[in-house]
Amino acid sequence: MHLTHEEFEEAVGDALDLVPVELMDQLDNVAFFVEEEPPPEDPELLGVYDGVPLTERDHGWGGHLPDRIVIFSGPLQRMCQDREELLEEIAVTVVHEIAHHFGIDDDTLHQLGWG
């Protein structure tokens, strides 16, 4: 399954539109990116949250660059057989990485079915 970069970015935007507004309104200083491939040391990585979770910020936190959520198109497209499966996996990956911003760890996400 392969989408153009623009189509993939649109699919990530559509996945973000599925996240409840109440949750999106609580995102603080987060930027979303699409990159083709993850770092070579983790070639199967679907997405990554790079930042300071809300649960670890204190009163002195501020003036920092935005946290980054990166969705990797290459591994997602290679693992999916059709468009429907790809769109679902993009949505799951987006939710998974947003959850890290709120301080939810991988074990909890797997228990909740978002792993």
Protein backbone atom coordinates (compact mmCIF):
# COMPACT_ATOMS: atom_id res chain seq x y z
CA MET A 1 0.00 0.00 0.00
CA HIS A 2 1.47 3.37 -0.97
CA LEU A 3 0.22 6.94 -0.63
CA THR A 4 1.95 10.05 -1.88
CA HIS A 5 3.45 12.27 0.83
CA GLU A 6 0.53 14.67 0.45
CA GLU A 7 -2.04 11.87 0.70
CA PHE A 8 -0.31 10.51 3.79
CA GLU A 9 -0.26 13.95 5.44
CA GLU A 10 -3.96 14.29 4.64
CA ALA A 11 -4.61 10.89 6.25
CA VAL A 12 -2.78 12.06 9.40
CA GLY A 13 -4.93 15.21 9.38
CA ASP A 14 -8.05 13.07 9.04
CA ALA A 15 -6.87 10.95 12.00
CA LEU A 16 -6.40 14.12 14.06
CA ASP A 17 -9.95 15.14 13.15
CA LEU A 18 -11.17 11.90 14.76
CA VAL A 19 -9.65 12.83 18.13
CA PRO A 20 -12.31 14.43 20.36
CA VAL A 21 -12.12 18.23 20.42
CA GLU A 22 -11.97 18.19 24.23
CA LEU A 23 -8.76 16.17 24.04
CA MET A 24 -7.22 18.21 21.21
CA ASP A 25 -7.90 21.39 23.18
CA GLN A 26 -5.71 20.02 25.97
CA LEU A 27 -2.67 19.48 23.74
CA ASP A 28 -0.10 22.03 24.82
CA ASN A 29 2.70 23.18 22.53
CA VAL A 30 2.70 20.15 20.19
CA ALA A 31 3.61 20.05 16.50
CA PHE A 32 2.83 17.10 14.20
CA PHE A 33 5.13 15.92 11.41
CA VAL A 34 5.23 13.18 8.80
CA GLU A 35 8.60 11.69 7.92
CA GLU A 36 9.26 8.86 5.53
CA GLU A 37 11.50 6.65 7.69
CA PRO A 38 12.34 6.29 11.37
CA PRO A 39 15.93 6.26 12.65
CA PRO A 40 18.00 3.31 11.32
CA GLU A 41 18.30 1.81 14.79
CA ASP A 42 14.51 1.34 14.98
CA PRO A 43 13.30 0.67 11.41
CA GLU A 44 9.85 -0.63 12.44
CA LEU A 45 8.94 2.46 14.51
CA LEU A 46 5.54 3.80 13.42
CA GLY A 47 5.56 7.06 15.34
CA VAL A 48 7.36 8.87 18.11
CA TYR A 49 6.56 11.48 20.73
CA ASP A 50 9.50 13.75 21.46
CA GLY A 51 8.81 16.11 24.30
CA VAL A 52 7.93 16.55 27.94
CA PRO A 53 4.63 14.89 28.90
CA LEU A 54 2.11 17.09 30.67
CA THR A 55 2.46 14.89 33.77
CA GLU A 56 6.16 15.82 34.04
CA ARG A 57 5.87 19.57 33.55
CA ASP A 58 6.12 21.87 36.53
CA HIS A 59 5.35 25.54 37.11
CA GLY A 60 8.72 26.54 35.68
CA TRP A 61 8.04 24.81 32.39
CA GLY A 62 7.59 27.24 29.57
CA GLY A 63 9.36 28.92 26.71
CA HIS A 64 10.35 25.57 25.23
CA LEU A 65 10.21 24.51 21.61
CA PRO A 66 7.05 22.57 20.80
CA ASP A 67 6.88 18.87 21.56
CA ARG A 68 7.03 16.84 18.36
CA ILE A 69 4.87 13.96 17.25
CA VAL A 70 6.30 12.29 14.17
CA ILE A 71 4.40 9.69 12.15
CA PHE A 72 6.60 7.53 9.89
CA SER A 73 4.96 6.75 6.56
CA GLY A 74 7.35 4.03 5.37
CA PRO A 75 6.80 1.38 8.06
CA LEU A 76 3.07 2.05 8.20
CA GLN A 77 2.67 1.63 4.46
CA ARG A 78 4.80 -1.52 4.38
CA MET A 79 2.79 -3.22 7.12
CA CYS A 80 -0.64 -2.57 5.61
CA GLN A 81 -2.31 -4.52 2.83
CA ASP A 82 -4.92 -1.96 1.78
CA ARG A 83 -6.01 1.65 2.23
CA GLU A 84 -8.58 0.88 4.92
CA GLU A 85 -6.02 -0.93 7.06
CA LEU A 86 -3.49 1.89 6.52
CA LEU A 87 -5.95 4.60 7.56
CA GLU A 88 -6.83 2.63 10.69
CA GLU A 89 -3.15 2.12 11.59
CA ILE A 90 -2.43 5.82 11.06
CA ALA A 91 -5.29 6.71 13.41
CA VAL A 92 -4.08 4.25 16.05
CA THR A 93 -0.53 5.61 15.78
CA VAL A 94 -1.71 9.22 16.09
CA VAL A 95 -3.77 8.41 19.21
CA HIS A 96 -0.88 6.38 20.65
CA GLU A 97 1.56 9.29 20.31
CA ILE A 98 -0.93 11.86 21.62
CA ALA A 99 -1.41 9.64 24.67
CA HIS A 100 2.32 9.88 25.40
CA HIS A 101 1.91 13.68 25.54
CA PHE A 102 -0.59 13.10 28.36
CA GLY A 103 1.87 10.82 30.17
CA ILE A 104 0.33 7.47 29.27
CA ASP A 105 3.01 4.78 28.87
CA ASP A 106 3.25 1.97 26.30
CA ASP A 107 2.15 -0.77 28.73
CA THR A 108 -1.06 1.09 29.58
CA LEU A 109 -1.73 1.82 25.91
CA HIS A 110 -1.32 -1.87 25.04
CA GLN A 111 -3.73 -2.82 27.83
CA LEU A 112 -6.25 -0.33 26.42
CA GLY A 113 -5.87 -1.70 22.88
CA TRP A 114 -3.93 1.29 21.51
CA GLY A 115 -0.54 -0.41 21.42
